[in-house]
Amino acid sequence: MARITAAIASSHVPAIGAAIDNGKTEDAYWKPIFEGYEWTQQWLKEEKPDVVILVYNDHASAFSMDIIPTFAIGCAEEYQSADEGWGPRPVPPVVGEPDLAWHIAQSCILDEFDLTIINKMDVDHGLTVPMSLMFGQPDAWPVKVVPIAVNVVQYPPPTGNRCWMLGEAIARAVESFPEDLNVQIWGTGGMSHQLQGPRAGLINQPFDNAFLDDLTANPQRLREMPHIEYLREAGSEGIELVMWLIMRGALGDHVKPLHRHYHVPGSNTAVGHLVLKPE
């Protein structure tokens, strides 16, 4: 049967993608960020996952203010890089895993999670930047991807607890899939940042590091954290961190941290990264 063997959390800052695409990874400003992903890149070569369930948020590329699904799952064969206003990123097409995706959709919907099924969409930096951070610039991505898009743009976003429970439902779905697959689940977005208003540029390092700590030490605190705390402590875009709880909920009660990286700043954002294994 399929199994979730590990999980990754990572920021998905669009400027990181631009730094990769424009050959700036060795620049003094960017180099410390990319060095924090070198361990993971080597580890992934050894782990060789077949499929990544990649939890991210769309930034008005596939969805507009007209249609805003709380949770959506991509069931397509392939996803192209979205044009976010400066042309699509020069990255390979993202290859889907529709058999697993449809199985997850059926399992989760029958498990009372109303996922929106997407059969065609482009994917933006929220998905492609983590792929580039983990795999560099290959001619083709070495894994297939099941995209899980979460609304953290238009209020109200889902609660941390609901995200955790979706992670549990995804884990049950994967475990019931009959094909032998090495599956990872990634949670992306965050960490603390605010892009507009009087607090634009906000970065809260104590909050971020406490969040990283409690993904292993006290995840219950994070499940119960209200939206207003994310907004107050991590800025208006810090709410993206609820997506990490989908990843964490899929791993079960106990996890082992394998790698951790935190750097300020990455553009106007705190960059966080964690690799976890279920125990």
C-alpha atoms as a PDB file:
ATOM      1  CA  MET A   1       0.000   0.000   0.000  1.00  0.00           C
ATOM      2  CA  ALA A   2       1.021   3.652  -0.265  1.00  0.00           C
ATOM      3  CA  ARG A   3       2.594   5.249   2.779  1.00  0.00           C
ATOM      4  CA  ILE A   4       3.553   8.729   3.961  1.00  0.00           C
ATOM      5  CA  THR A   5       7.226   8.367   4.827  1.00  0.00           C
ATOM      6  CA  ALA A   6       8.226  11.961   5.608  1.00  0.00           C
ATOM      7  CA  ALA A   7       7.139  15.578   5.519  1.00  0.00           C
ATOM      8  CA  ILE A   8       8.661  18.924   4.633  1.00  0.00           C
ATOM      9  CA  ALA A   9       7.675  22.445   5.619  1.00  0.00           C
ATOM     10  CA  SER A  10       9.008  25.428   3.717  1.00  0.00           C
ATOM     11  CA  SER A  11       8.402  29.050   2.885  1.00  0.00           C
ATOM     12  CA  HIS A  12       7.485  29.771  -0.736  1.00  0.00           C
ATOM     13  CA  VAL A  13       8.710  33.347  -1.197  1.00  0.00           C
ATOM     14  CA  PRO A  14       8.321  34.449  -4.858  1.00  0.00           C
ATOM     15  CA  ALA A  15      11.632  36.363  -4.793  1.00  0.00           C
ATOM     16  CA  ILE A  16      13.399  33.058  -4.007  1.00  0.00           C
ATOM     17  CA  GLY A  17      12.131  31.713  -7.316  1.00  0.00           C
ATOM     18  CA  ALA A  18      13.384  34.826  -9.089  1.00  0.00           C
ATOM     19  CA  ALA A  19      16.813  34.414  -7.451  1.00  0.00           C
ATOM     20  CA  ILE A  20      17.003  30.811  -8.710  1.00  0.00           C
ATOM     21  CA  ASP A  21      15.773  31.670 -12.203  1.00  0.00           C
ATOM     22  CA  ASN A  22      18.210  34.576 -12.568  1.00  0.00           C
ATOM     23  CA  GLY A  23      21.313  32.803 -11.264  1.00  0.00           C
ATOM     24  CA  LYS A  24      21.603  34.705  -7.990  1.00  0.00           C
ATOM     25  CA  THR A  25      21.772  31.771  -5.559  1.00  0.00           C
ATOM     26  CA  GLU A  26      25.470  32.452  -4.809  1.00  0.00           C
ATOM     27  CA  ASP A  27      24.944  36.169  -4.163  1.00  0.00           C
ATOM     28  CA  ALA A  28      25.827  37.221  -0.612  1.00  0.00           C
ATOM     29  CA  TYR A  29      22.203  38.106   0.159  1.00  0.00           C
ATOM     30  CA  TRP A  30      20.682  34.838  -1.071  1.00  0.00           C
ATOM     31  CA  LYS A  31      23.390  32.272  -0.352  1.00  0.00           C
ATOM     32  CA  PRO A  32      22.555  31.705   3.376  1.00  0.00           C
ATOM     33  CA  ILE A  33      18.966  30.887   2.425  1.00  0.00           C
ATOM     34  CA  PHE A  34      19.887  28.306  -0.180  1.00  0.00           C
ATOM     35  CA  GLU A  35      22.578  26.736   2.013  1.00  0.00           C
ATOM     36  CA  GLY A  36      19.829  25.796   4.461  1.00  0.00           C
ATOM     37  CA  TYR A  37      18.244  23.570   1.800  1.00  0.00           C
ATOM     38  CA  GLU A  38      21.386  21.696   0.743  1.00  0.00           C
ATOM     39  CA  TRP A  39      20.897  18.999   3.389  1.00  0.00           C
ATOM     40  CA  THR A  40      17.343  18.398   2.198  1.00  0.00           C
ATOM     41  CA  GLN A  41      18.316  18.233  -1.462  1.00  0.00           C
ATOM     42  CA  GLN A  42      20.811  15.467  -0.707  1.00  0.00           C
ATOM     43  CA  TRP A  43      18.366  13.666   1.599  1.00  0.00           C
ATOM     44  CA  LEU A  44      15.678  13.683  -1.110  1.00  0.00           C
ATOM     45  CA  LYS A  45      18.097  12.043  -3.546  1.00  0.00           C
ATOM     46  CA  GLU A  46      18.427   9.201  -1.046  1.00  0.00           C
ATOM     47  CA  GLU A  47      14.735   9.020  -0.079  1.00  0.00           C
ATOM     48  CA  LYS A  48      13.478   9.046  -3.681  1.00  0.00           C
ATOM     49  CA  PRO A  49       9.782   9.803  -3.044  1.00  0.00           C
ATOM     50  CA  ASP A  50       7.388   8.775  -5.787  1.00  0.00           C
ATOM     51  CA  VAL A  51       4.739  11.394  -5.045  1.00  0.00           C
ATOM     52  CA  VAL A  52       4.568  14.653  -3.109  1.00  0.00           C
ATOM     53  CA  ILE A  53       1.246  15.874  -1.741  1.00  0.00           C
ATOM     54  CA  LEU A  54       2.024  19.584  -1.851  1.00  0.00           C
ATOM     55  CA  VAL A  55      -0.098  21.897   0.282  1.00  0.00           C
ATOM     56  CA  TYR A  56       0.087  25.510  -0.867  1.00  0.00           C
ATOM     57  CA  ASN A  57      -2.045  28.567  -1.493  1.00  0.00           C
ATOM     58  CA  ASP A  58      -2.860  30.084  -4.838  1.00  0.00           C
ATOM     59  CA  HIS A  59      -2.132  33.807  -5.222  1.00  0.00           C
ATOM     60  CA  ALA A  60      -4.982  34.735  -7.594  1.00  0.00           C
ATOM     61  CA  SER A  61      -3.471  32.711 -10.449  1.00  0.00           C
ATOM     62  CA  ALA A  62      -5.773  29.685 -10.709  1.00  0.00           C
ATOM     63  CA  PHE A  63      -8.571  31.171  -8.601  1.00  0.00           C
ATOM     64  CA  SER A  64      -9.975  34.680  -8.486  1.00  0.00           C
ATOM     65  CA  MET A  65     -12.174  36.504  -6.024  1.00  0.00           C
ATOM     66  CA  ASP A  66     -15.116  35.046  -7.960  1.00  0.00           C
ATOM     67  CA  ILE A  67     -14.499  31.468  -6.802  1.00  0.00           C
ATOM     68  CA  ILE A  68     -12.645  30.760  -3.554  1.00  0.00           C
ATOM     69  CA  PRO A  69     -12.544  27.111  -2.443  1.00  0.00           C
ATOM     70  CA  THR A  70     -11.429  26.555   1.127  1.00  0.00           C
ATOM     71  CA  PHE A  71      -9.727  23.281   0.170  1.00  0.00           C
ATOM     72  CA  ALA A  72      -9.120  22.151  -3.429  1.00  0.00           C
ATOM     73  CA  ILE A  73      -7.315  19.119  -4.834  1.00  0.00           C
ATOM     74  CA  GLY A  74      -5.700  18.943  -8.259  1.00  0.00           C
ATOM     75  CA  CYS A  75      -6.576  15.757 -10.144  1.00  0.00           C
ATOM     76  CA  ALA A  76      -5.011  16.648 -13.503  1.00  0.00           C
ATOM     77  CA  GLU A  77      -2.302  14.867 -15.458  1.00  0.00           C
ATOM     78  CA  GLU A  78      -0.119  17.980 -15.639  1.00  0.00           C
ATOM     79  CA  TYR A  79       0.103  21.569 -14.385  1.00  0.00           C
ATOM     80  CA  GLN A  80       1.833  24.462 -16.151  1.00  0.00           C
ATOM     81  CA  SER A  81       3.610  27.319 -14.388  1.00  0.00           C
ATOM     82  CA  ALA A  82       1.308  30.324 -14.033  1.00  0.00           C
ATOM     83  CA  ASP A  83       2.043  33.771 -15.421  1.00  0.00           C
ATOM     84  CA  GLU A  84       1.939  35.973 -12.317  1.00  0.00           C
ATOM     85  CA  GLY A  85       2.496  39.183 -14.245  1.00  0.00           C
ATOM     86  CA  TRP A  86       6.120  38.783 -15.328  1.00  0.00           C
ATOM     87  CA  GLY A  87       5.794  35.592 -17.381  1.00  0.00           C
ATOM     88  CA  PRO A  88       5.698  31.946 -16.261  1.00  0.00           C
ATOM     89  CA  ARG A  89       8.716  30.695 -14.325  1.00  0.00           C
ATOM     90  CA  PRO A  90      11.138  28.712 -16.540  1.00  0.00           C
ATOM     91  CA  VAL A  91      10.505  25.438 -14.737  1.00  0.00           C
ATOM     92  CA  PRO A  92       9.350  22.042 -16.003  1.00  0.00           C
ATOM     93  CA  PRO A  93       5.637  21.203 -16.065  1.00  0.00           C
ATOM     94  CA  VAL A  94       4.438  19.668 -12.817  1.00  0.00           C
ATOM     95  CA  VAL A  95       3.335  16.095 -13.471  1.00  0.00           C
ATOM     96  CA  GLY A  96       0.258  15.014 -11.529  1.00  0.00           C
ATOM     97  CA  GLU A  97      -0.700  11.666 -10.042  1.00  0.00           C
ATOM     98  CA  PRO A  98      -4.399  11.551 -10.935  1.00  0.00           C
ATOM     99  CA  ASP A  99      -5.067   8.008  -9.684  1.00  0.00           C
ATOM    100  CA  LEU A 100      -3.854   8.882  -6.188  1.00  0.00           C
ATOM    101  CA  ALA A 101      -5.445  12.340  -6.340  1.00  0.00           C
ATOM    102  CA  TRP A 102      -8.874  10.949  -7.227  1.00  0.00           C
ATOM    103  CA  HIS A 103      -8.513   8.344  -4.495  1.00  0.00           C
ATOM    104  CA  ILE A 104      -7.702  11.054  -1.936  1.00  0.00           C
ATOM    105  CA  ALA A 105     -10.642  13.124  -3.165  1.00  0.00           C
ATOM    106  CA  GLN A 106     -13.049  10.210  -2.832  1.00  0.00           C
ATOM    107  CA  SER A 107     -11.688   9.128   0.533  1.00  0.00           C
ATOM    108  CA  CYS A 108     -11.679  12.621   2.036  1.00  0.00           C
ATOM    109  CA  ILE A 109     -15.121  13.554   0.693  1.00  0.00           C
ATOM    110  CA  LEU A 110     -16.595  10.338   2.091  1.00  0.00           C
ATOM    111  CA  ASP A 111     -14.693  11.211   5.284  1.00  0.00           C
ATOM    112  CA  GLU A 112     -16.758  14.449   5.331  1.00  0.00           C
ATOM    113  CA  PHE A 113     -14.159  16.844   3.925  1.00  0.00           C
ATOM    114  CA  ASP A 114     -15.698  18.696   0.999  1.00  0.00           C
ATOM    115  CA  LEU A 115     -12.710  19.114  -1.313  1.00  0.00           C
ATOM    116  CA  THR A 116     -13.159  21.065  -4.538  1.00  0.00           C
ATOM    117  CA  ILE A 117     -11.935  18.893  -7.436  1.00  0.00           C
ATOM    118  CA  ILE A 118      -9.783  20.744  -9.973  1.00  0.00           C
ATOM    119  CA  ASN A 119      -9.173  19.076 -13.337  1.00  0.00           C
ATOM    120  CA  LYS A 120      -7.307  21.979 -14.949  1.00  0.00           C
ATOM    121  CA  MET A 121      -5.250  24.774 -13.409  1.00  0.00           C
ATOM    122  CA  ASP A 122      -1.907  26.530 -13.562  1.00  0.00           C
ATOM    123  CA  VAL A 123       0.269  26.555 -10.447  1.00  0.00           C
ATOM    124  CA  ASP A 124       2.079  29.629  -9.183  1.00  0.00           C
ATOM    125  CA  HIS A 125       5.102  30.294  -6.975  1.00  0.00           C
ATOM    126  CA  GLY A 126       3.315  28.820  -3.964  1.00  0.00           C
ATOM    127  CA  LEU A 127       3.932  25.386  -5.501  1.00  0.00           C
ATOM    128  CA  THR A 128       6.874  25.869  -7.865  1.00  0.00           C
ATOM    129  CA  VAL A 129       9.238  27.655  -5.458  1.00  0.00           C
ATOM    130  CA  PRO A 130       9.269  24.749  -2.946  1.00  0.00           C
ATOM    131  CA  MET A 131       9.896  22.361  -5.851  1.00  0.00           C
ATOM    132  CA  SER A 132      12.895  24.458  -6.927  1.00  0.00           C
ATOM    133  CA  LEU A 133      14.232  24.707  -3.380  1.00  0.00           C
ATOM    134  CA  MET A 134      14.153  20.924  -2.962  1.00  0.00           C
ATOM    135  CA  PHE A 135      15.161  19.806  -6.466  1.00  0.00           C
ATOM    136  CA  GLY A 136      17.103  22.681  -8.022  1.00  0.00           C
ATOM    137  CA  GLN A 137      16.740  23.205 -11.768  1.00  0.00           C
ATOM    138  CA  PRO A 138      16.218  19.775 -13.376  1.00  0.00           C
ATOM    139  CA  ASP A 139      14.981  19.207 -16.909  1.00  0.00           C
ATOM    140  CA  ALA A 140      12.026  17.333 -15.369  1.00  0.00           C
ATOM    141  CA  TRP A 141      10.814  17.146 -11.766  1.00  0.00           C
ATOM    142  CA  PRO A 142      11.809  13.819 -10.174  1.00  0.00           C
ATOM    143  CA  VAL A 143       8.429  13.346  -8.435  1.00  0.00           C
ATOM    144  CA  LYS A 144       4.757  13.443  -9.280  1.00  0.00           C
ATOM    145  CA  VAL A 145       2.631  15.947  -7.380  1.00  0.00           C
ATOM    146  CA  VAL A 146      -0.865  16.046  -5.894  1.00  0.00           C
ATOM    147  CA  PRO A 147      -1.598  19.753  -5.289  1.00  0.00           C
ATOM    148  CA  ILE A 148      -3.758  20.710  -2.307  1.00  0.00           C
ATOM    149  CA  ALA A 149      -4.725  24.396  -2.514  1.00  0.00           C
ATOM    150  CA  VAL A 150      -5.910  26.143   0.665  1.00  0.00           C
ATOM    151  CA  ASN A 151      -7.619  29.521   0.959  1.00  0.00           C
ATOM    152  CA  VAL A 152      -5.516  31.744   3.203  1.00  0.00           C
ATOM    153  CA  VAL A 153      -6.126  34.901   1.147  1.00  0.00           C
ATOM    154  CA  GLN A 154      -9.793  35.750   1.639  1.00  0.00           C
ATOM    155  CA  TYR A 155     -11.247  35.741   5.157  1.00  0.00           C
ATOM    156  CA  PRO A 156     -12.279  33.349   6.643  1.00  0.00           C
ATOM    157  CA  PRO A 157      -9.470  30.826   6.206  1.00  0.00           C
ATOM    158  CA  PRO A 158      -9.817  27.387   7.804  1.00  0.00           C
ATOM    159  CA  THR A 159      -8.800  26.936  11.425  1.00  0.00           C
ATOM    160  CA  GLY A 160      -5.574  25.247  12.386  1.00  0.00           C
ATOM    161  CA  ASN A 161      -7.537  22.390  13.901  1.00  0.00           C
ATOM    162  CA  ARG A 162      -9.533  21.861  10.698  1.00  0.00           C
ATOM    163  CA  CYS A 163      -6.281  21.808   8.733  1.00  0.00           C
ATOM    164  CA  TRP A 164      -4.829  19.242  11.130  1.00  0.00           C
ATOM    165  CA  MET A 165      -7.919  17.059  10.748  1.00  0.00           C
ATOM    166  CA  LEU A 166      -7.650  17.281   6.953  1.00  0.00           C
ATOM    167  CA  GLY A 167      -4.076  16.059   7.285  1.00  0.00           C
ATOM    168  CA  GLU A 168      -5.340  13.073   9.269  1.00  0.00           C
ATOM    169  CA  ALA A 169      -7.949  12.369   6.573  1.00  0.00           C
ATOM    170  CA  ILE A 170      -5.303  12.591   3.830  1.00  0.00           C
ATOM    171  CA  ALA A 171      -3.136  10.103   5.743  1.00  0.00           C
ATOM    172  CA  ARG A 172      -6.061   7.668   5.956  1.00  0.00           C
ATOM    173  CA  ALA A 173      -6.642   8.084   2.236  1.00  0.00           C
ATOM    174  CA  VAL A 174      -3.013   7.400   1.358  1.00  0.00           C
ATOM    175  CA  GLU A 175      -2.879   4.326   3.592  1.00  0.00           C
ATOM    176  CA  SER A 176      -5.901   2.863   1.784  1.00  0.00           C
ATOM    177  CA  PHE A 177      -4.407   3.340  -1.699  1.00  0.00           C
ATOM    178  CA  PRO A 178      -3.380  -0.116  -2.961  1.00  0.00           C
ATOM    179  CA  GLU A 179      -0.369   0.872  -5.082  1.00  0.00           C
ATOM    180  CA  ASP A 180       3.066   0.698  -3.431  1.00  0.00           C
ATOM    181  CA  LEU A 181       4.101   4.371  -3.333  1.00  0.00           C
ATOM    182  CA  ASN A 182       6.608   6.326  -1.275  1.00  0.00           C
ATOM    183  CA  VAL A 183       4.630   9.498  -0.518  1.00  0.00           C
ATOM    184  CA  GLN A 184       5.740  12.705   1.164  1.00  0.00           C
ATOM    185  CA  ILE A 185       3.522  15.587   2.252  1.00  0.00           C
ATOM    186  CA  TRP A 186       4.776  19.156   2.181  1.00  0.00           C
ATOM    187  CA  GLY A 187       3.294  22.198   3.906  1.00  0.00           C
ATOM    188  CA  THR A 188       4.327  25.521   2.394  1.00  0.00           C
ATOM    189  CA  GLY A 189       3.949  29.245   2.998  1.00  0.00           C
ATOM    190  CA  GLY A 190       4.891  31.609   5.804  1.00  0.00           C
ATOM    191  CA  MET A 191       6.627  32.328   8.034  1.00  0.00           C
ATOM    192  CA  SER A 192       5.831  35.701   9.624  1.00  0.00           C
ATOM    193  CA  HIS A 193       5.325  38.465   7.091  1.00  0.00           C
ATOM    194  CA  GLN A 194       3.032  41.314   6.171  1.00  0.00           C
ATOM    195  CA  LEU A 195       2.940  42.845   2.711  1.00  0.00           C
ATOM    196  CA  GLN A 196       0.799  45.946   3.213  1.00  0.00           C
ATOM    197  CA  GLY A 197      -0.393  48.566   5.665  1.00  0.00           C
ATOM    198  CA  PRO A 198       1.442  50.238   8.565  1.00  0.00           C
ATOM    199  CA  ARG A 199       3.057  46.933   9.619  1.00  0.00           C
ATOM    200  CA  ALA A 200       4.404  46.048   6.162  1.00  0.00           C
ATOM    201  CA  GLY A 201       7.718  44.258   6.590  1.00  0.00           C
ATOM    202  CA  LEU A 202       6.832  42.760   9.976  1.00  0.00           C
ATOM    203  CA  ILE A 203       8.951  39.738  10.955  1.00  0.00           C
ATOM    204  CA  ASN A 204       8.539  38.093  14.378  1.00  0.00           C
ATOM    205  CA  GLN A 205      11.465  35.744  14.990  1.00  0.00           C
ATOM    206  CA  PRO A 206      10.392  34.573  18.496  1.00  0.00           C
ATOM    207  CA  PHE A 207       6.939  33.630  17.168  1.00  0.00           C
ATOM    208  CA  ASP A 208       8.406  31.786  14.184  1.00  0.00           C
ATOM    209  CA  ASN A 209      10.868  29.773  16.243  1.00  0.00           C
ATOM    210  CA  ALA A 210       8.195  28.899  18.810  1.00  0.00           C
ATOM    211  CA  PHE A 211       6.039  27.656  15.917  1.00  0.00           C
ATOM    212  CA  LEU A 212       8.893  25.493  14.633  1.00  0.00           C
ATOM    213  CA  ASP A 213       9.484  24.161  18.153  1.00  0.00           C
ATOM    214  CA  ASP A 214       5.847  23.290  18.750  1.00  0.00           C
ATOM    215  CA  LEU A 215       5.352  21.406  15.499  1.00  0.00           C
ATOM    216  CA  THR A 216       7.162  18.646  17.398  1.00  0.00           C
ATOM    217  CA  ALA A 217       6.971  19.624  21.087  1.00  0.00           C
ATOM    218  CA  ASN A 218       3.420  20.938  21.491  1.00  0.00           C
ATOM    219  CA  PRO A 219       1.333  20.700  18.292  1.00  0.00           C
ATOM    220  CA  GLN A 220      -1.889  20.969  20.299  1.00  0.00           C
ATOM    221  CA  ARG A 221      -1.091  24.637  20.977  1.00  0.00           C
ATOM    222  CA  LEU A 222      -0.888  25.257  17.262  1.00  0.00           C
ATOM    223  CA  ARG A 223      -4.124  23.402  16.578  1.00  0.00           C
ATOM    224  CA  GLU A 224      -5.915  25.746  18.984  1.00  0.00           C
ATOM    225  CA  MET A 225      -4.246  29.011  17.926  1.00  0.00           C
ATOM    226  CA  PRO A 226      -6.955  31.482  16.794  1.00  0.00           C
ATOM    227  CA  HIS A 227      -6.728  33.493  13.579  1.00  0.00           C
ATOM    228  CA  ILE A 228      -6.268  36.742  15.501  1.00  0.00           C
ATOM    229  CA  GLU A 229      -3.029  35.454  17.032  1.00  0.00           C
ATOM    230  CA  TYR A 230      -1.566  34.715  13.615  1.00  0.00           C
ATOM    231  CA  LEU A 231      -2.540  38.202  12.465  1.00  0.00           C
ATOM    232  CA  ARG A 232      -1.240  39.954  15.568  1.00  0.00           C
ATOM    233  CA  GLU A 233       2.023  38.031  15.954  1.00  0.00           C
ATOM    234  CA  ALA A 234       2.908  36.909  12.419  1.00  0.00           C
ATOM    235  CA  GLY A 235       1.328  39.578  10.221  1.00  0.00           C
ATOM    236  CA  SER A 236      -1.530  39.380   7.760  1.00  0.00           C
ATOM    237  CA  GLU A 237       0.241  36.823   5.547  1.00  0.00           C
ATOM    238  CA  GLY A 238       1.468  34.757   8.509  1.00  0.00           C
ATOM    239  CA  ILE A 239      -1.864  32.945   8.403  1.00  0.00           C
ATOM    240  CA  GLU A 240      -0.266  30.810   5.668  1.00  0.00           C
ATOM    241  CA  LEU A 241       1.253  28.777   8.499  1.00  0.00           C
ATOM    242  CA  VAL A 242      -2.055  26.955   9.035  1.00  0.00           C
ATOM    243  CA  MET A 243      -1.131  24.994   5.903  1.00  0.00           C
ATOM    244  CA  TRP A 244       1.814  23.482   7.768  1.00  0.00           C
ATOM    245  CA  LEU A 245      -0.726  21.877  10.102  1.00  0.00           C
ATOM    246  CA  ILE A 246      -2.181  19.824   7.232  1.00  0.00           C
ATOM    247  CA  MET A 247       1.293  18.401   6.754  1.00  0.00           C
ATOM    248  CA  ARG A 248       1.764  17.866  10.486  1.00  0.00           C
ATOM    249  CA  GLY A 249      -1.652  16.277  10.990  1.00  0.00           C
ATOM    250  CA  ALA A 250      -0.822  13.654   8.360  1.00  0.00           C
ATOM    251  CA  LEU A 251       2.157  12.381  10.389  1.00  0.00           C
ATOM    252  CA  GLY A 252       0.407  11.169  13.535  1.00  0.00           C
ATOM    253  CA  ASP A 253       1.108  12.001  17.160  1.00  0.00           C
ATOM    254  CA  HIS A 254       4.885  11.615  17.246  1.00  0.00           C
ATOM    255  CA  VAL A 255       7.499  12.876  14.824  1.00  0.00           C
ATOM    256  CA  LYS A 256      11.264  13.054  14.642  1.00  0.00           C
ATOM    257  CA  PRO A 257      12.803  16.306  13.343  1.00  0.00           C
ATOM    258  CA  LEU A 258      15.575  15.617  10.826  1.00  0.00           C
ATOM    259  CA  HIS A 259      16.551  19.103   9.680  1.00  0.00           C
ATOM    260  CA  ARG A 260      15.702  22.711  10.536  1.00  0.00           C
ATOM    261  CA  HIS A 261      16.574  26.002   8.871  1.00  0.00           C
ATOM    262  CA  TYR A 262      15.496  29.563   9.657  1.00  0.00           C
ATOM    263  CA  HIS A 263      16.795  32.749   8.070  1.00  0.00           C
ATOM    264  CA  VAL A 264      15.863  36.434   8.101  1.00  0.00           C
ATOM    265  CA  PRO A 265      15.268  38.047   5.729  1.00  0.00           C
ATOM    266  CA  GLY A 266      14.262  36.438   2.468  1.00  0.00           C
ATOM    267  CA  SER A 267      12.873  39.404   0.591  1.00  0.00           C
ATOM    268  CA  ASN A 268      10.519  40.891   3.231  1.00  0.00           C
ATOM    269  CA  THR A 269       9.798  37.513   4.828  1.00  0.00           C
ATOM    270  CA  ALA A 270      11.201  35.126   7.407  1.00  0.00           C
ATOM    271  CA  VAL A 271      12.234  31.892   5.672  1.00  0.00           C
ATOM    272  CA  GLY A 272      11.513  28.689   7.587  1.00  0.00           C
ATOM    273  CA  HIS A 273      12.169  25.065   6.687  1.00  0.00           C
ATOM    274  CA  LEU A 274      11.706  21.766   8.527  1.00  0.00           C
ATOM    275  CA  VAL A 275      12.004  18.077   7.648  1.00  0.00           C
ATOM    276  CA  LEU A 276      10.042  15.620   9.777  1.00  0.00           C
ATOM    277  CA  LYS A 277       9.649  11.854   9.881  1.00  0.00           C
ATOM    278  CA  PRO A 278       6.740  10.008  11.562  1.00  0.00           C
ATOM    279  CA  GLU A 279       7.617   7.787  14.522  1.00  0.00           C
END
